[in-house]
Amino acid sequence: MSPIRDFDRNPLRIAICGGGASGVLLLNALRRHAQRGVQVSIIEPRDRLGGGVAYSTDSKLHLLNVPAGNMSTGPNAQDAFLQWLRAERSRAPWNWSAGDFAPRALFGEFLRSLADKADSAPNLQLSWLRTMADSLAPIRGGWEIVLAHGAPIQADVVVLAMGNETPAPIGEHLMPQERSFVINDPWDRESKAEIPSNAPVMLLGTGLTAVDVAVELLAKRGHTGQIIAVSRRGLLPRPQGAAVAVPPHVVRYLQSASIRDIVRLVKQYATQDSSGSRLRGIIKELRRLAPSIWARSTPRERQRFMRHLKPYWDVYRHRVAPAIHRRITAALASGQLKVVRGRMEAIECLREQGAVRVSIRQPHGKLSLEVARVVNCTGPRSDPALSANPLLQSLVGDGVARADSLGLGLATDDRSRVIGANGAAHADLFALGALSRGARFETTAIPEISEQVDIVARQILERVQAAVRPIQTVQTVLPVQPSVVAFAAASPR
């Protein structure tokens, strides 16, 4: 670790729960903005920072869904990732362009490079605690964080940056020896490696996760059996491509229109735009306006959107790289990949056949399918009340936080401060990314998270100027494990 210079005797203590993209981007923002020294503890059990679920994959087939030139990591760092690619991961005979879709593993490496910069920054005293936070309780002048391993730590400000939850498990009623037929973690490489290459496989879900798993099976593992993707509406993500700029009068309309009127406009564009370029332009503009549209919408409008329209928004908003779309289209054309509309009703193990029978309810009847594996691609759970994360369970159970009205995440205000069961926002407890979807809706992509992180970092650092914590009340509790760990240069995933 680099020596810390220009530190007060009593620096502000910040704890970041989560070391994925949101946590590392916050480290980067603190490094850029802190005028005086601050102590930062990042609590992350994984062996590398910056990965999380999205960027921990080691498959080169898993591409970013956004071109490299659009992976902004801050107000003045719109092309930082692109410049890093050109400097650190150059490719011959051509170099990276702004429109290239890089492997997600490379963005994970880039995030680790940002963590390295934070590690050596003179204005940050950085500790990496390789464990999880189990609970969080307010104490005088701050918070006490109970860790899964090691002694509790104390902080003046806590930021929740745990990222997406795991999918809600399926097949829990099966006997333990039968559960191997159900893969609840779609990123479990060992379980996917055990799938017979000529056997039929069901992907429960048709979103981005299902596309990732399908492409991996088809291209990397040489799967020859049929892949059946099942979801209620049978919608697959649309491809990225050129977007036509939205006329100014349409932009002005979107700024004040209701969700219902916006939906009508999007449907009109969808039916009259065979190339999709005008529709992509509208979606791009709506992405920029999403927080303000969401903020002015009534609870009833939000509920109707989530119930009836969110799946359509997701496939047009969260698009896939053109190369990925071509692979999926070819698999559909050959019949190896099939999309089925319906909802899973039951799953039964057929041990002698080495398969499971899945009952699918469709609009006009039932469908029974026998497959060797079911891979859970339903996407992350969002409701904190149903979370498997002990920290979220504790926060909601103790009333320190509450779920937002739609169960999208934690209730937060417009400054990303967590709202407790009493309806008041904590001045020193923040939620980033997916956890704050209830207030902002669009907080899952890197550009939106970067914008949010920058605002939160500035709020936190205002407390440094206030210097409200008297020295005599300080009590430092050191963890059992070494609290300061030098970041090692990680190899590519």
Foldseek 3Di string as FASTA:
>chain_A
DADAPQADPDAAEEEEFAQAQLNLLLLLLLLVPFPAAHEYEYEAQDPAGHDAPQQPDQDFLAWALAFQQCLASAPPGSNVSQVCCCVPVADPPDGGDRRDTGHSLSVSLVSRVSVQCSLHRNRYRYFYHNFGFQAWDDDVQFIWTCTPAWHIWTGNFYEYEHAFFFADDPPPVDDPVQCLQEASHLRPPVSLLPFPLAWEEEEEAAEPSVLVSVCCSVPPVVRDHAYEYEEQVLDHAAEDDAADADDPVVLVCVLPDAPVVLVVVLVVCVVPPPVCRPSLNSLVSCLVCQLVNLQPYDPVSVVCCVVPPPVVNRRSNSHHYPVSVVVVVVCVVVRSYHYDHFDWDDWAGPVVVQWIWTWTDHPVGIDIDITNHYYHPHTGQAQLCPGPRSHSVNCCVVQVWHAAPVRQATDAEPLQFGAGNVRDGDLRYGYAASRHCNNRVPGPRSVNRSVSSSSNSVSVSVVSVVVPDDPVVDDGDDIPPDGHDNDDSDDRD
